[in-house]
């Protein structure tokens, strides 16, 4: 198996970073952590695990994930989020890969957990994510929110990544608050205009998509939970976008 560099971006991930690095070490000969100026023990813990830590104020999702790539000693990159772990079948698959085609990137099926509960409903599984790629031909798109790897070809594997998405339902709500704020800023930077209709329309669209097109209506409590949280996220990011414009207009009037 060719040498692989593992790359993780972090911000206050002391609870996750050790297990993430140890997971990457199963298949990577080096691990790079791009840290967004954490205020907890993330950096010390990462360095104690032998990772190279590169401090970098947060640039946005795609740019931050791309920032560590030039520091890698290998062309093959395995990118994980701090709350992700390689499942045993992913480790076995990567160990078998020859990685002789830099044009091909590899996607894995992601198991998303809330606490100890694996959510499989309404599109939460298999949730294919591209994580293994060759930097000479592929890389993360320069999107500040919800970026993904762009590659000439992507092979979808049957192997899994475990994603400890939320510690609890309460944590899920907290993350929606954080992520919807980030999404609103990203949209404003792209020039997305405010709209009084957009929050409601996107929330309704998300609900219909998850309940009907993704089958959540027939998947019990998990299906309903995914539909409602997705709708809430959609509503809040557009409502917060409107709020950003309102606050900007108010500041302009005050001056």
C-alpha atoms as a PDB file:
ATOM      1  CA  UNK A   1       0.000   0.000   0.000  1.00  0.00           C
ATOM      2  CA  UNK A   2       1.457   3.416  -0.957  1.00  0.00           C
ATOM      3  CA  UNK A   3       2.110   5.964   1.773  1.00  0.00           C
ATOM      4  CA  UNK A   4      -0.873   8.091   2.795  1.00  0.00           C
ATOM      5  CA  UNK A   5      -1.101  11.361   4.718  1.00  0.00           C
ATOM      6  CA  UNK A   6      -4.042  11.816   7.055  1.00  0.00           C
ATOM      7  CA  UNK A   7      -5.383  15.356   7.423  1.00  0.00           C
ATOM      8  CA  UNK A   8      -7.837  16.599  10.074  1.00  0.00           C
ATOM      9  CA  UNK A   9      -9.147  20.094  10.739  1.00  0.00           C
ATOM     10  CA  UNK A  10      -9.926  20.974  14.345  1.00  0.00           C
ATOM     11  CA  UNK A  11     -11.381  23.593  16.634  1.00  0.00           C
ATOM     12  CA  UNK A  12     -11.612  22.626  20.301  1.00  0.00           C
ATOM     13  CA  UNK A  13     -11.739  18.903  19.550  1.00  0.00           C
ATOM     14  CA  UNK A  14      -9.988  17.627  22.693  1.00  0.00           C
ATOM     15  CA  UNK A  15     -12.716  15.009  23.183  1.00  0.00           C
ATOM     16  CA  UNK A  16     -12.255  13.600  19.676  1.00  0.00           C
ATOM     17  CA  UNK A  17      -8.779  14.180  18.327  1.00  0.00           C
ATOM     18  CA  UNK A  18      -6.909  11.292  19.982  1.00  0.00           C
ATOM     19  CA  UNK A  19      -9.268   8.597  18.686  1.00  0.00           C
ATOM     20  CA  UNK A  20      -9.332  10.241  15.251  1.00  0.00           C
ATOM     21  CA  UNK A  21      -5.538  10.300  14.953  1.00  0.00           C
ATOM     22  CA  UNK A  22      -5.246   6.708  16.176  1.00  0.00           C
ATOM     23  CA  UNK A  23      -7.797   5.679  13.558  1.00  0.00           C
ATOM     24  CA  UNK A  24      -5.812   7.395  10.799  1.00  0.00           C
ATOM     25  CA  UNK A  25      -2.570   5.873  12.041  1.00  0.00           C
ATOM     26  CA  UNK A  26      -3.935   2.452  11.129  1.00  0.00           C
ATOM     27  CA  UNK A  27      -3.367   3.289   7.434  1.00  0.00           C
ATOM     28  CA  UNK A  28      -1.375   6.546   7.336  1.00  0.00           C
ATOM     29  CA  UNK A  29       2.341   7.047   7.883  1.00  0.00           C
ATOM     30  CA  UNK A  30       1.841  10.701   8.832  1.00  0.00           C
ATOM     31  CA  UNK A  31      -1.014  12.794  10.241  1.00  0.00           C
ATOM     32  CA  UNK A  32      -1.418  16.551   9.868  1.00  0.00           C
ATOM     33  CA  UNK A  33      -3.814  18.533  12.055  1.00  0.00           C
ATOM     34  CA  UNK A  34      -4.850  21.982  10.831  1.00  0.00           C
ATOM     35  CA  UNK A  35      -6.034  23.665  13.997  1.00  0.00           C
ATOM     36  CA  UNK A  36      -8.269  26.750  14.023  1.00  0.00           C
ATOM     37  CA  UNK A  37      -6.593  28.221  17.132  1.00  0.00           C
ATOM     38  CA  UNK A  38      -8.213  25.885  19.646  1.00  0.00           C
ATOM     39  CA  UNK A  39      -8.522  27.049  23.249  1.00  0.00           C
ATOM     40  CA  UNK A  40      -8.647  23.565  24.781  1.00  0.00           C
ATOM     41  CA  UNK A  41      -6.052  20.752  24.807  1.00  0.00           C
ATOM     42  CA  UNK A  42      -6.518  19.781  21.146  1.00  0.00           C
ATOM     43  CA  UNK A  43      -3.023  20.830  20.054  1.00  0.00           C
ATOM     44  CA  UNK A  44      -1.187  19.216  22.971  1.00  0.00           C
ATOM     45  CA  UNK A  45      -3.103  15.969  22.565  1.00  0.00           C
ATOM     46  CA  UNK A  46      -2.500  15.882  18.804  1.00  0.00           C
ATOM     47  CA  UNK A  47       1.218  16.488  19.213  1.00  0.00           C
ATOM     48  CA  UNK A  48       1.412  13.821  21.903  1.00  0.00           C
ATOM     49  CA  UNK A  49      -0.024  11.385  19.328  1.00  0.00           C
ATOM     50  CA  UNK A  50       2.746  12.308  16.896  1.00  0.00           C
ATOM     51  CA  UNK A  51       0.693  14.507  14.587  1.00  0.00           C
ATOM     52  CA  UNK A  52       2.110  17.630  12.991  1.00  0.00           C
ATOM     53  CA  UNK A  53      -0.045  20.587  14.007  1.00  0.00           C
ATOM     54  CA  UNK A  54      -0.412  23.593  11.721  1.00  0.00           C
ATOM     55  CA  UNK A  55      -2.169  26.570  13.354  1.00  0.00           C
ATOM     56  CA  UNK A  56      -4.466  28.454  11.012  1.00  0.00           C
ATOM     57  CA  UNK A  57      -7.371  30.771  11.776  1.00  0.00           C
ATOM     58  CA  UNK A  58     -10.505  29.325  10.209  1.00  0.00           C
ATOM     59  CA  UNK A  59     -10.713  30.020   6.473  1.00  0.00           C
ATOM     60  CA  UNK A  60     -13.977  28.231   5.752  1.00  0.00           C
ATOM     61  CA  UNK A  61     -14.641  24.537   5.252  1.00  0.00           C
ATOM     62  CA  UNK A  62     -13.008  23.894   1.878  1.00  0.00           C
ATOM     63  CA  UNK A  63     -10.042  26.273   2.232  1.00  0.00           C
ATOM     64  CA  UNK A  64      -9.298  24.982   5.732  1.00  0.00           C
ATOM     65  CA  UNK A  65      -9.311  21.344   4.590  1.00  0.00           C
ATOM     66  CA  UNK A  66      -7.065  22.247   1.662  1.00  0.00           C
ATOM     67  CA  UNK A  67      -4.646  24.253   3.798  1.00  0.00           C
ATOM     68  CA  UNK A  68      -2.771  21.233   5.141  1.00  0.00           C
ATOM     69  CA  UNK A  69      -2.286  19.523   1.772  1.00  0.00           C
ATOM     70  CA  UNK A  70       0.915  21.379   0.712  1.00  0.00           C
ATOM     71  CA  UNK A  71       2.543  20.265   3.982  1.00  0.00           C
ATOM     72  CA  UNK A  72       1.893  16.577   3.267  1.00  0.00           C
ATOM     73  CA  UNK A  73       4.796  14.283   2.462  1.00  0.00           C
ATOM     74  CA  UNK A  74       2.608  12.053   0.275  1.00  0.00           C
ATOM     75  CA  UNK A  75       0.366  12.629  -2.720  1.00  0.00           C
ATOM     76  CA  UNK A  76      -2.396  10.389  -1.379  1.00  0.00           C
ATOM     77  CA  UNK A  77      -4.505  12.206   1.202  1.00  0.00           C
ATOM     78  CA  UNK A  78      -7.029  10.682   3.621  1.00  0.00           C
ATOM     79  CA  UNK A  79      -9.213  13.423   5.091  1.00  0.00           C
ATOM     80  CA  UNK A  80     -11.324  12.819   8.186  1.00  0.00           C
ATOM     81  CA  UNK A  81     -13.276  15.160  10.393  1.00  0.00           C
ATOM     82  CA  UNK A  82     -12.251  15.043  14.046  1.00  0.00           C
ATOM     83  CA  UNK A  83     -15.462  13.236  14.972  1.00  0.00           C
ATOM     84  CA  UNK A  84     -14.978  10.534  12.313  1.00  0.00           C
ATOM     85  CA  UNK A  85     -13.286   7.121  12.599  1.00  0.00           C
ATOM     86  CA  UNK A  86     -12.388   4.504  10.015  1.00  0.00           C
ATOM     87  CA  UNK A  87     -14.460   1.362  10.473  1.00  0.00           C
ATOM     88  CA  UNK A  88     -12.651  -1.968  10.322  1.00  0.00           C
ATOM     89  CA  UNK A  89     -13.938  -2.646   6.805  1.00  0.00           C
ATOM     90  CA  UNK A  90     -12.517   0.697   5.622  1.00  0.00           C
ATOM     91  CA  UNK A  91      -9.127  -0.117   7.124  1.00  0.00           C
ATOM     92  CA  UNK A  92      -9.106  -3.511   5.424  1.00  0.00           C
ATOM     93  CA  UNK A  93     -10.127  -1.993   2.084  1.00  0.00           C
ATOM     94  CA  UNK A  94      -7.497   0.755   2.170  1.00  0.00           C
ATOM     95  CA  UNK A  95      -4.805  -1.789   3.020  1.00  0.00           C
ATOM     96  CA  UNK A  96      -5.766  -3.731  -0.113  1.00  0.00           C
ATOM     97  CA  UNK A  97      -5.775  -0.750  -2.477  1.00  0.00           C
ATOM     98  CA  UNK A  98      -2.849  -0.389  -4.861  1.00  0.00           C
ATOM     99  CA  UNK A  99      -3.582   3.328  -5.370  1.00  0.00           C
ATOM    100  CA  UNK A 100      -1.944   3.175  -8.771  1.00  0.00           C
ATOM    101  CA  UNK A 101      -4.442   5.530 -10.441  1.00  0.00           C
ATOM    102  CA  UNK A 102      -4.197   9.146  -9.248  1.00  0.00           C
ATOM    103  CA  UNK A 103      -7.323   9.969 -11.274  1.00  0.00           C
ATOM    104  CA  UNK A 104      -9.500   7.907  -8.923  1.00  0.00           C
ATOM    105  CA  UNK A 105     -10.695   9.069  -5.512  1.00  0.00           C
ATOM    106  CA  UNK A 106     -12.533   6.840  -3.055  1.00  0.00           C
ATOM    107  CA  UNK A 107     -15.820   7.412  -1.255  1.00  0.00           C
ATOM    108  CA  UNK A 108     -16.987   5.632   1.877  1.00  0.00           C
ATOM    109  CA  UNK A 109     -20.380   5.004   3.408  1.00  0.00           C
ATOM    110  CA  UNK A 110     -20.784   7.101   6.535  1.00  0.00           C
ATOM    111  CA  UNK A 111     -22.629   5.873   9.616  1.00  0.00           C
ATOM    112  CA  UNK A 112     -24.012   8.927  11.425  1.00  0.00           C
ATOM    113  CA  UNK A 113     -24.582   8.598  15.165  1.00  0.00           C
ATOM    114  CA  UNK A 114     -26.534  10.625  17.710  1.00  0.00           C
ATOM    115  CA  UNK A 115     -25.039   9.495  20.971  1.00  0.00           C
ATOM    116  CA  UNK A 116     -24.875   5.722  20.607  1.00  0.00           C
ATOM    117  CA  UNK A 117     -27.777   5.600  18.181  1.00  0.00           C
ATOM    118  CA  UNK A 118     -26.981   5.017  14.501  1.00  0.00           C
ATOM    119  CA  UNK A 119     -29.446   7.011  12.373  1.00  0.00           C
ATOM    120  CA  UNK A 120     -30.159   5.278   9.076  1.00  0.00           C
ATOM    121  CA  UNK A 121     -33.309   7.144   8.035  1.00  0.00           C
ATOM    122  CA  UNK A 122     -34.092   9.854   5.487  1.00  0.00           C
ATOM    123  CA  UNK A 123     -30.760   9.932   3.697  1.00  0.00           C
ATOM    124  CA  UNK A 124     -28.544   9.709   6.781  1.00  0.00           C
ATOM    125  CA  UNK A 125     -27.279   6.418   5.385  1.00  0.00           C
ATOM    126  CA  UNK A 126     -25.334   5.468   3.318  1.00  0.00           C
ATOM    127  CA  UNK A 127     -24.308   9.164   3.077  1.00  0.00           C
ATOM    128  CA  UNK A 128     -21.365   8.571   0.731  1.00  0.00           C
ATOM    129  CA  UNK A 129     -18.403  10.909   1.344  1.00  0.00           C
ATOM    130  CA  UNK A 130     -15.165  11.113  -0.660  1.00  0.00           C
ATOM    131  CA  UNK A 131     -12.236  11.002   1.736  1.00  0.00           C
ATOM    132  CA  UNK A 132      -9.253   9.356  -0.008  1.00  0.00           C
ATOM    133  CA  UNK A 133      -7.798  11.227  -2.998  1.00  0.00           C
ATOM    134  CA  UNK A 134      -4.577  12.083  -4.811  1.00  0.00           C
ATOM    135  CA  UNK A 135      -3.637  15.739  -4.456  1.00  0.00           C
ATOM    136  CA  UNK A 136      -2.142  15.898  -7.954  1.00  0.00           C
ATOM    137  CA  UNK A 137      -5.580  15.531  -9.539  1.00  0.00           C
ATOM    138  CA  UNK A 138      -8.175  16.173  -6.821  1.00  0.00           C
ATOM    139  CA  UNK A 139      -8.932  18.339  -3.819  1.00  0.00           C
ATOM    140  CA  UNK A 140     -11.557  20.126  -1.796  1.00  0.00           C
ATOM    141  CA  UNK A 141     -13.592  22.777  -3.550  1.00  0.00           C
ATOM    142  CA  UNK A 142     -12.954  26.324  -2.228  1.00  0.00           C
ATOM    143  CA  UNK A 143     -16.435  26.524  -0.682  1.00  0.00           C
ATOM    144  CA  UNK A 144     -16.645  28.045   2.770  1.00  0.00           C
ATOM    145  CA  UNK A 145     -19.495  25.761   3.807  1.00  0.00           C
ATOM    146  CA  UNK A 146     -20.221  22.101   3.047  1.00  0.00           C
ATOM    147  CA  UNK A 147     -17.250  21.584   0.745  1.00  0.00           C
ATOM    148  CA  UNK A 148     -16.460  18.250  -0.897  1.00  0.00           C
ATOM    149  CA  UNK A 149     -13.664  16.615  -2.852  1.00  0.00           C
ATOM    150  CA  UNK A 150     -13.686  17.160  -6.607  1.00  0.00           C
ATOM    151  CA  UNK A 151     -11.900  14.394  -8.542  1.00  0.00           C
ATOM    152  CA  UNK A 152     -11.825  13.124 -12.138  1.00  0.00           C
ATOM    153  CA  UNK A 153     -13.388   9.841 -10.983  1.00  0.00           C
ATOM    154  CA  UNK A 154     -14.869   8.673  -7.697  1.00  0.00           C
ATOM    155  CA  UNK A 155     -15.160   5.005  -6.780  1.00  0.00           C
ATOM    156  CA  UNK A 156     -17.888   4.366  -4.230  1.00  0.00           C
ATOM    157  CA  UNK A 157     -16.715   1.647  -1.882  1.00  0.00           C
ATOM    158  CA  UNK A 158     -18.889  -0.491   0.420  1.00  0.00           C
ATOM    159  CA  UNK A 159     -16.632   0.333   3.382  1.00  0.00           C
ATOM    160  CA  UNK A 160     -17.643   2.582   6.262  1.00  0.00           C
ATOM    161  CA  UNK A 161     -16.640   5.625   8.265  1.00  0.00           C
ATOM    162  CA  UNK A 162     -18.240   6.068  11.673  1.00  0.00           C
ATOM    163  CA  UNK A 163     -19.347   9.647  12.247  1.00  0.00           C
ATOM    164  CA  UNK A 164     -20.098  10.591  15.835  1.00  0.00           C
ATOM    165  CA  UNK A 165     -22.121  13.515  14.616  1.00  0.00           C
ATOM    166  CA  UNK A 166     -23.915  14.592  17.779  1.00  0.00           C
ATOM    167  CA  UNK A 167     -23.430  13.610  21.407  1.00  0.00           C
ATOM    168  CA  UNK A 168     -27.173  13.939  22.037  1.00  0.00           C
ATOM    169  CA  UNK A 169     -30.326  15.495  20.618  1.00  0.00           C
ATOM    170  CA  UNK A 170     -29.546  18.659  22.583  1.00  0.00           C
ATOM    171  CA  UNK A 171     -26.103  18.772  20.975  1.00  0.00           C
ATOM    172  CA  UNK A 172     -27.787  18.378  17.592  1.00  0.00           C
ATOM    173  CA  UNK A 173     -29.812  21.543  18.257  1.00  0.00           C
ATOM    174  CA  UNK A 174     -26.692  23.406  19.358  1.00  0.00           C
ATOM    175  CA  UNK A 175     -24.848  22.392  16.194  1.00  0.00           C
ATOM    176  CA  UNK A 176     -27.736  23.542  14.003  1.00  0.00           C
ATOM    177  CA  UNK A 177     -27.485  26.933  15.684  1.00  0.00           C
ATOM    178  CA  UNK A 178     -23.732  27.084  15.028  1.00  0.00           C
ATOM    179  CA  UNK A 179     -23.838  25.745  11.483  1.00  0.00           C
ATOM    180  CA  UNK A 180     -26.790  27.867  10.392  1.00  0.00           C
ATOM    181  CA  UNK A 181     -24.874  30.954  11.540  1.00  0.00           C
ATOM    182  CA  UNK A 182     -21.844  29.865   9.510  1.00  0.00           C
ATOM    183  CA  UNK A 183     -24.027  29.087   6.483  1.00  0.00           C
ATOM    184  CA  UNK A 184     -25.714  32.489   6.659  1.00  0.00           C
ATOM    185  CA  UNK A 185     -22.353  34.277   6.620  1.00  0.00           C
ATOM    186  CA  UNK A 186     -21.149  32.141   3.715  1.00  0.00           C
ATOM    187  CA  UNK A 187     -24.284  32.932   1.706  1.00  0.00           C
ATOM    188  CA  UNK A 188     -23.935  36.639   2.391  1.00  0.00           C
ATOM    189  CA  UNK A 189     -20.319  36.555   1.213  1.00  0.00           C
ATOM    190  CA  UNK A 190     -21.518  34.910  -2.009  1.00  0.00           C
ATOM    191  CA  UNK A 191     -23.999  37.729  -2.502  1.00  0.00           C
ATOM    192  CA  UNK A 192     -27.201  35.773  -1.794  1.00  0.00           C
ATOM    193  CA  UNK A 193     -29.956  38.364  -1.373  1.00  0.00           C
ATOM    194  CA  UNK A 194     -32.362  38.456   1.581  1.00  0.00           C
ATOM    195  CA  UNK A 195     -35.889  37.159   1.109  1.00  0.00           C
ATOM    196  CA  UNK A 196     -38.904  37.022   3.398  1.00  0.00           C
ATOM    197  CA  UNK A 197     -40.167  33.902   1.606  1.00  0.00           C
ATOM    198  CA  UNK A 198     -36.978  31.869   1.421  1.00  0.00           C
ATOM    199  CA  UNK A 199     -36.835  30.605   5.047  1.00  0.00           C
ATOM    200  CA  UNK A 200     -40.323  29.095   4.856  1.00  0.00           C
ATOM    201  CA  UNK A 201     -39.952  27.757   1.313  1.00  0.00           C
ATOM    202  CA  UNK A 202     -36.649  26.038   2.068  1.00  0.00           C
ATOM    203  CA  UNK A 203     -37.962  24.583   5.315  1.00  0.00           C
ATOM    204  CA  UNK A 204     -40.999  23.157   3.518  1.00  0.00           C
ATOM    205  CA  UNK A 205     -38.821  21.819   0.695  1.00  0.00           C
ATOM    206  CA  UNK A 206     -36.479  20.132   3.194  1.00  0.00           C
ATOM    207  CA  UNK A 207     -39.406  18.535   5.013  1.00  0.00           C
ATOM    208  CA  UNK A 208     -40.925  17.142   1.815  1.00  0.00           C
ATOM    209  CA  UNK A 209     -37.556  15.923   0.552  1.00  0.00           C
ATOM    210  CA  UNK A 210     -36.748  14.039   3.745  1.00  0.00           C
ATOM    211  CA  UNK A 211     -40.230  12.666   4.442  1.00  0.00           C
ATOM    212  CA  UNK A 212     -41.241  11.713   0.897  1.00  0.00           C
ATOM    213  CA  UNK A 213     -38.280  11.479  -1.458  1.00  0.00           C
ATOM    214  CA  UNK A 214     -35.913  10.076   1.190  1.00  0.00           C
ATOM    215  CA  UNK A 215     -38.576   7.849   2.746  1.00  0.00           C
ATOM    216  CA  UNK A 216     -38.542   9.348   6.226  1.00  0.00           C
ATOM    217  CA  UNK A 217     -42.326   9.171   6.453  1.00  0.00           C
ATOM    218  CA  UNK A 218     -42.047   5.383   6.584  1.00  0.00           C
ATOM    219  CA  UNK A 219     -38.996   5.177   8.862  1.00  0.00           C
ATOM    220  CA  UNK A 220     -40.504   5.911  12.251  1.00  0.00           C
ATOM    221  CA  UNK A 221     -39.177   8.386  14.788  1.00  0.00           C
ATOM    222  CA  UNK A 222     -35.747   8.622  13.144  1.00  0.00           C
ATOM    223  CA  UNK A 223     -37.279   9.655   9.836  1.00  0.00           C
ATOM    224  CA  UNK A 224     -39.342  12.367  11.500  1.00  0.00           C
ATOM    225  CA  UNK A 225     -36.385  13.589  13.559  1.00  0.00           C
ATOM    226  CA  UNK A 226     -34.185  13.946  10.481  1.00  0.00           C
ATOM    227  CA  UNK A 227     -36.941  15.735   8.550  1.00  0.00           C
ATOM    228  CA  UNK A 228     -37.660  18.232  11.330  1.00  0.00           C
ATOM    229  CA  UNK A 229     -34.035  19.009  12.138  1.00  0.00           C
ATOM    230  CA  UNK A 230     -33.189  19.436   8.451  1.00  0.00           C
ATOM    231  CA  UNK A 231     -36.137  21.780   8.015  1.00  0.00           C
ATOM    232  CA  UNK A 232     -35.133  23.751  11.108  1.00  0.00           C
ATOM    233  CA  UNK A 233     -31.571  24.118   9.818  1.00  0.00           C
ATOM    234  CA  UNK A 234     -32.823  25.276   6.422  1.00  0.00           C
ATOM    235  CA  UNK A 235     -35.200  27.784   7.991  1.00  0.00           C
ATOM    236  CA  UNK A 236     -32.659  29.222  10.408  1.00  0.00           C
ATOM    237  CA  UNK A 237     -29.834  29.748   7.919  1.00  0.00           C
ATOM    238  CA  UNK A 238     -32.061  31.838   5.646  1.00  0.00           C
ATOM    239  CA  UNK A 239     -33.666  33.638   8.587  1.00  0.00           C
ATOM    240  CA  UNK A 240     -30.175  34.468   9.895  1.00  0.00           C
ATOM    241  CA  UNK A 241     -29.168  35.676   6.418  1.00  0.00           C
ATOM    242  CA  UNK A 242     -32.085  38.112   6.552  1.00  0.00           C
ATOM    243  CA  UNK A 243     -30.972  39.171  10.022  1.00  0.00           C
ATOM    244  CA  UNK A 244     -27.440  39.898   8.785  1.00  0.00           C
ATOM    245  CA  UNK A 245     -28.800  42.247   6.126  1.00  0.00           C
ATOM    246  CA  UNK A 246     -31.159  43.890   8.620  1.00  0.00           C
ATOM    247  CA  UNK A 247     -28.318  44.522  11.064  1.00  0.00           C
ATOM    248  CA  UNK A 248     -26.129  45.891   8.267  1.00  0.00           C
ATOM    249  CA  UNK A 249     -28.885  48.254   7.165  1.00  0.00           C
ATOM    250  CA  UNK A 250     -29.420  49.423  10.752  1.00  0.00           C
ATOM    251  CA  UNK A 251     -25.714  50.176  11.199  1.00  0.00           C
ATOM    252  CA  UNK A 252     -25.712  52.125   7.930  1.00  0.00           C
ATOM    253  CA  UNK A 253     -28.678  54.223   9.100  1.00  0.00           C
ATOM    254  CA  UNK A 254     -26.964  54.954  12.429  1.00  0.00           C
ATOM    255  CA  UNK A 255     -23.928  56.355  10.643  1.00  0.00           C
END
